[in-house]
Amino acid sequence: MTWASVKLFLKAQVSAFSGGVTDYGLMILLTEWLHIHFTISILISGTLGGMVNFCINRFWAFKSNDGYCSSTSGQLIRFFTVVLGSISLKSAGTYLLHSSLNLDYKIGRLLIDSIVSYGFNYPLMKYWVFKINKLSNSEVDEEDYFERISEEQRA
C-alpha cells in the first residue's frame, strides 16, 4: 500500500464524513422534530448529503490532473446511482436492525453506515465514479521512445 493510496482513502473518508454529518444531522432533524418516519428521512437526508459528498469528492478527494474517464454529467449519473444504492442499503439495513433486534434507529444507522461506506461506497467511487484516465502502455512506450530520441539528438 502506497502513501498516495492511503492519502486518497483518507481524503475520501473526510469527504464521506462531511456528507455523512449533513446526512445524519438532517435525518435526526426530520425524524425527531418533524416526525417523518426514519426511512423517509434517510431518503431525503441521503440525497442532500450525497450532493455535499459529490462536490467534495470531485473537487478535492478524487481530483485528478490527468482527467477522468467520464464527463461531469457522467460522473453525476454514476454518483447518484451509487448514492441510490447506498441509501437503499442504509434504509433497509437500519429498518432490519430496528425491526428484528429492536435496536434504536440512530445506532443501527451508524452500524449500517460503516459497512456500506467501506464495502460499497468507497470502492465504487474510486473505481467507477471518479475513475482516472491512465495512459496505456503503448502510449507510455511511445513517449519514452521519443524522449530518448530527443535526448540523443541533443547529445
C-alpha atoms as a PDB file:
ATOM      1  CA  MET A   1       0.000   0.000   0.000  1.00  0.00           C
ATOM      2  CA  THR A   2       1.470   3.328  -1.044  1.00  0.00           C
ATOM      3  CA  TRP A   3       1.240   6.684   0.716  1.00  0.00           C
ATOM      4  CA  ALA A   4      -0.756   8.008  -2.272  1.00  0.00           C
ATOM      5  CA  SER A   5      -3.413   5.313  -1.856  1.00  0.00           C
ATOM      6  CA  VAL A   6      -3.599   5.899   1.921  1.00  0.00           C
ATOM      7  CA  LYS A   7      -3.879   9.654   1.326  1.00  0.00           C
ATOM      8  CA  LEU A   8      -6.668   9.122  -1.243  1.00  0.00           C
ATOM      9  CA  PHE A   9      -8.523   6.840   1.153  1.00  0.00           C
ATOM     10  CA  LEU A  10      -8.242   9.369   3.995  1.00  0.00           C
ATOM     11  CA  LYS A  11      -9.399  12.245   1.782  1.00  0.00           C
ATOM     12  CA  ALA A  12     -12.365  10.146   0.656  1.00  0.00           C
ATOM     13  CA  GLN A  13     -13.194   9.450   4.302  1.00  0.00           C
ATOM     14  CA  VAL A  14     -13.107  13.177   5.154  1.00  0.00           C
ATOM     15  CA  SER A  15     -15.436  13.782   2.221  1.00  0.00           C
ATOM     16  CA  ALA A  16     -17.719  10.941   3.282  1.00  0.00           C
ATOM     17  CA  PHE A  17     -17.697  12.239   6.856  1.00  0.00           C
ATOM     18  CA  SER A  18     -18.730  15.725   5.675  1.00  0.00           C
ATOM     19  CA  GLY A  19     -21.572  14.325   3.611  1.00  0.00           C
ATOM     20  CA  GLY A  20     -22.389  11.924   6.431  1.00  0.00           C
ATOM     21  CA  VAL A  21     -22.661  14.660   9.051  1.00  0.00           C
ATOM     22  CA  THR A  22     -25.032  16.532   6.757  1.00  0.00           C
ATOM     23  CA  ASP A  23     -26.974  13.331   6.098  1.00  0.00           C
ATOM     24  CA  TYR A  24     -27.126  12.108   9.706  1.00  0.00           C
ATOM     25  CA  GLY A  25     -27.918  15.521  11.211  1.00  0.00           C
ATOM     26  CA  LEU A  26     -30.708  16.148   8.739  1.00  0.00           C
ATOM     27  CA  MET A  27     -32.101  12.635   9.350  1.00  0.00           C
ATOM     28  CA  ILE A  28     -32.314  13.359  13.096  1.00  0.00           C
ATOM     29  CA  LEU A  29     -33.900  16.752  12.459  1.00  0.00           C
ATOM     30  CA  LEU A  30     -36.501  15.354  10.059  1.00  0.00           C
ATOM     31  CA  THR A  31     -37.319  12.338  12.249  1.00  0.00           C
ATOM     32  CA  GLU A  32     -37.224  13.856  15.733  1.00  0.00           C
ATOM     33  CA  TRP A  33     -38.516  17.355  15.086  1.00  0.00           C
ATOM     34  CA  LEU A  34     -40.717  16.967  12.024  1.00  0.00           C
ATOM     35  CA  HIS A  35     -41.843  13.409  12.909  1.00  0.00           C
ATOM     36  CA  ILE A  36     -41.138  11.993   9.458  1.00  0.00           C
ATOM     37  CA  HIS A  37     -40.589   8.211   9.510  1.00  0.00           C
ATOM     38  CA  PHE A  38     -36.861   7.485   9.606  1.00  0.00           C
ATOM     39  CA  THR A  39     -36.891   5.534   6.322  1.00  0.00           C
ATOM     40  CA  ILE A  40     -38.217   8.628   4.513  1.00  0.00           C
ATOM     41  CA  SER A  41     -35.849  10.899   6.462  1.00  0.00           C
ATOM     42  CA  ILE A  42     -32.927   8.736   5.301  1.00  0.00           C
ATOM     43  CA  LEU A  43     -34.033   9.177   1.689  1.00  0.00           C
ATOM     44  CA  ILE A  44     -34.215  12.980   1.966  1.00  0.00           C
ATOM     45  CA  SER A  45     -31.091  13.437   4.081  1.00  0.00           C
ATOM     46  CA  GLY A  46     -29.123  10.962   1.971  1.00  0.00           C
ATOM     47  CA  THR A  47     -29.864  12.945  -1.168  1.00  0.00           C
ATOM     48  CA  LEU A  48     -28.644  16.215   0.344  1.00  0.00           C
ATOM     49  CA  GLY A  49     -25.650  14.555   1.994  1.00  0.00           C
ATOM     50  CA  GLY A  50     -24.861  12.997  -1.369  1.00  0.00           C
ATOM     51  CA  MET A  51     -24.751  16.393  -3.039  1.00  0.00           C
ATOM     52  CA  VAL A  52     -22.273  17.635  -0.439  1.00  0.00           C
ATOM     53  CA  ASN A  53     -20.206  14.463  -0.830  1.00  0.00           C
ATOM     54  CA  PHE A  54     -20.124  14.658  -4.657  1.00  0.00           C
ATOM     55  CA  CYS A  55     -18.779  18.198  -4.661  1.00  0.00           C
ATOM     56  CA  ILE A  56     -16.047  17.427  -2.133  1.00  0.00           C
ATOM     57  CA  ASN A  57     -15.112  14.187  -3.910  1.00  0.00           C
ATOM     58  CA  ARG A  58     -14.975  15.752  -7.367  1.00  0.00           C
ATOM     59  CA  PHE A  59     -13.059  18.885  -6.480  1.00  0.00           C
ATOM     60  CA  TRP A  60     -10.819  17.616  -3.697  1.00  0.00           C
ATOM     61  CA  ALA A  61     -10.716  13.927  -2.702  1.00  0.00           C
ATOM     62  CA  PHE A  62     -10.623  12.294  -6.146  1.00  0.00           C
ATOM     63  CA  LYS A  63      -9.420  15.365  -8.034  1.00  0.00           C
ATOM     64  CA  SER A  64      -7.248  14.360 -10.983  1.00  0.00           C
ATOM     65  CA  ASN A  65      -4.933  16.413 -13.140  1.00  0.00           C
ATOM     66  CA  ASP A  66      -4.891  13.565 -15.676  1.00  0.00           C
ATOM     67  CA  GLY A  67      -8.633  13.814 -16.234  1.00  0.00           C
ATOM     68  CA  TYR A  68     -11.424  11.384 -15.607  1.00  0.00           C
ATOM     69  CA  CYS A  69     -12.748   8.539 -17.719  1.00  0.00           C
ATOM     70  CA  SER A  70     -16.198  10.152 -17.838  1.00  0.00           C
ATOM     71  CA  SER A  71     -17.600  13.662 -18.050  1.00  0.00           C
ATOM     72  CA  THR A  72     -19.006  15.560 -15.084  1.00  0.00           C
ATOM     73  CA  SER A  73     -22.552  14.655 -16.125  1.00  0.00           C
ATOM     74  CA  GLY A  74     -21.490  11.014 -16.471  1.00  0.00           C
ATOM     75  CA  GLN A  75     -19.948  11.174 -13.019  1.00  0.00           C
ATOM     76  CA  LEU A  76     -23.146  12.678 -11.598  1.00  0.00           C
ATOM     77  CA  ILE A  77     -25.218   9.868 -13.073  1.00  0.00           C
ATOM     78  CA  ARG A  78     -22.823   7.242 -11.737  1.00  0.00           C
ATOM     79  CA  PHE A  79     -22.535   9.013  -8.381  1.00  0.00           C
ATOM     80  CA  PHE A  80     -26.271   9.199  -7.824  1.00  0.00           C
ATOM     81  CA  THR A  81     -26.634   5.573  -8.914  1.00  0.00           C
ATOM     82  CA  VAL A  82     -24.199   4.689  -6.115  1.00  0.00           C
ATOM     83  CA  VAL A  83     -25.991   7.051  -3.710  1.00  0.00           C
ATOM     84  CA  LEU A  84     -29.344   5.471  -4.558  1.00  0.00           C
ATOM     85  CA  GLY A  85     -27.888   2.036  -3.827  1.00  0.00           C
ATOM     86  CA  SER A  86     -26.266   3.364  -0.666  1.00  0.00           C
ATOM     87  CA  ILE A  87     -29.482   4.992   0.569  1.00  0.00           C
ATOM     88  CA  SER A  88     -31.410   1.793  -0.156  1.00  0.00           C
ATOM     89  CA  LEU A  89     -28.890  -0.326   1.746  1.00  0.00           C
ATOM     90  CA  LYS A  90     -28.807   2.130   4.672  1.00  0.00           C
ATOM     91  CA  SER A  91     -32.570   2.447   4.885  1.00  0.00           C
ATOM     92  CA  ALA A  92     -33.224  -1.292   4.582  1.00  0.00           C
ATOM     93  CA  GLY A  93     -30.384  -2.218   6.928  1.00  0.00           C
ATOM     94  CA  THR A  94     -31.466   0.303   9.550  1.00  0.00           C
ATOM     95  CA  TYR A  95     -35.058  -0.916   9.286  1.00  0.00           C
ATOM     96  CA  LEU A  96     -33.992  -4.565   9.595  1.00  0.00           C
ATOM     97  CA  LEU A  97     -31.845  -3.896  12.671  1.00  0.00           C
ATOM     98  CA  HIS A  98     -34.654  -1.868  14.233  1.00  0.00           C
ATOM     99  CA  SER A  99     -37.435  -4.356  13.488  1.00  0.00           C
ATOM    100  CA  SER A 100     -35.545  -7.594  14.172  1.00  0.00           C
ATOM    101  CA  LEU A 101     -33.296  -6.572  17.095  1.00  0.00           C
ATOM    102  CA  ASN A 102     -35.313  -3.573  18.341  1.00  0.00           C
ATOM    103  CA  LEU A 103     -32.115  -1.540  18.005  1.00  0.00           C
ATOM    104  CA  ASP A 104     -32.559   2.228  18.158  1.00  0.00           C
ATOM    105  CA  TYR A 105     -32.565   3.547  14.588  1.00  0.00           C
ATOM    106  CA  LYS A 106     -29.767   6.047  15.371  1.00  0.00           C
ATOM    107  CA  ILE A 107     -27.384   3.313  16.499  1.00  0.00           C
ATOM    108  CA  GLY A 108     -28.455   0.940  13.738  1.00  0.00           C
ATOM    109  CA  ARG A 109     -27.873   3.645  11.168  1.00  0.00           C
ATOM    110  CA  LEU A 110     -24.303   4.221  12.397  1.00  0.00           C
ATOM    111  CA  LEU A 111     -23.541   0.485  12.209  1.00  0.00           C
ATOM    112  CA  ILE A 112     -25.021   0.102   8.748  1.00  0.00           C
ATOM    113  CA  ASP A 113     -23.316   3.311   7.538  1.00  0.00           C
ATOM    114  CA  SER A 114     -19.869   1.983   8.383  1.00  0.00           C
ATOM    115  CA  ILE A 115     -20.477  -1.251   6.491  1.00  0.00           C
ATOM    116  CA  VAL A 116     -21.965   0.483   3.442  1.00  0.00           C
ATOM    117  CA  SER A 117     -19.292   3.197   3.417  1.00  0.00           C
ATOM    118  CA  TYR A 118     -16.280   0.888   3.333  1.00  0.00           C
ATOM    119  CA  GLY A 119     -17.749  -2.063   1.471  1.00  0.00           C
ATOM    120  CA  PHE A 120     -19.942  -0.343  -1.113  1.00  0.00           C
ATOM    121  CA  ASN A 121     -19.388   3.414  -1.492  1.00  0.00           C
ATOM    122  CA  TYR A 122     -15.599   3.756  -1.432  1.00  0.00           C
ATOM    123  CA  PRO A 123     -14.781   1.031  -3.972  1.00  0.00           C
ATOM    124  CA  LEU A 124     -17.442   2.278  -6.391  1.00  0.00           C
ATOM    125  CA  MET A 125     -16.362   5.914  -6.024  1.00  0.00           C
ATOM    126  CA  LYS A 126     -12.708   5.090  -6.618  1.00  0.00           C
ATOM    127  CA  TYR A 127     -13.008   2.552  -9.409  1.00  0.00           C
ATOM    128  CA  TRP A 128     -16.190   3.592 -11.196  1.00  0.00           C
ATOM    129  CA  VAL A 129     -17.456   7.126 -10.495  1.00  0.00           C
ATOM    130  CA  PHE A 130     -14.158   9.021 -10.302  1.00  0.00           C
ATOM    131  CA  LYS A 131     -12.052   6.617 -12.358  1.00  0.00           C
ATOM    132  CA  ILE A 132      -8.925   8.408 -13.555  1.00  0.00           C
ATOM    133  CA  ASN A 133      -7.594   8.356 -17.104  1.00  0.00           C
ATOM    134  CA  LYS A 134      -4.381   6.409 -17.377  1.00  0.00           C
ATOM    135  CA  LEU A 135      -2.038   6.241 -20.323  1.00  0.00           C
ATOM    136  CA  SER A 136      -1.931   2.842 -21.969  1.00  0.00           C
ATOM    137  CA  ASN A 137       1.402   1.027 -22.076  1.00  0.00           C
ATOM    138  CA  SER A 138       1.784   1.742 -25.798  1.00  0.00           C
ATOM    139  CA  GLU A 139       1.322   5.479 -25.205  1.00  0.00           C
ATOM    140  CA  VAL A 140       3.914   5.430 -22.409  1.00  0.00           C
ATOM    141  CA  ASP A 141       6.361   3.458 -24.570  1.00  0.00           C
ATOM    142  CA  GLU A 142       5.922   5.908 -27.471  1.00  0.00           C
ATOM    143  CA  GLU A 143       6.570   8.879 -25.198  1.00  0.00           C
ATOM    144  CA  ASP A 144       9.682   7.232 -23.741  1.00  0.00           C
ATOM    145  CA  TYR A 145      10.901   6.415 -27.257  1.00  0.00           C
ATOM    146  CA  PHE A 146      10.503   9.987 -28.478  1.00  0.00           C
ATOM    147  CA  GLU A 147      12.105  11.378 -25.312  1.00  0.00           C
ATOM    148  CA  ARG A 148      15.132   9.100 -25.831  1.00  0.00           C
ATOM    149  CA  ILE A 149      15.456  10.176 -29.487  1.00  0.00           C
ATOM    150  CA  SER A 150      15.269  13.819 -28.451  1.00  0.00           C
ATOM    151  CA  GLU A 151      17.963  13.314 -25.793  1.00  0.00           C
ATOM    152  CA  GLU A 152      20.216  11.501 -28.251  1.00  0.00           C
ATOM    153  CA  GLN A 153      19.853  14.294 -30.792  1.00  0.00           C
ATOM    154  CA  ARG A 154      20.833  16.889 -28.163  1.00  0.00           C
ATOM    155  CA  ALA A 155      23.999  14.972 -27.252  1.00  0.00           C
END
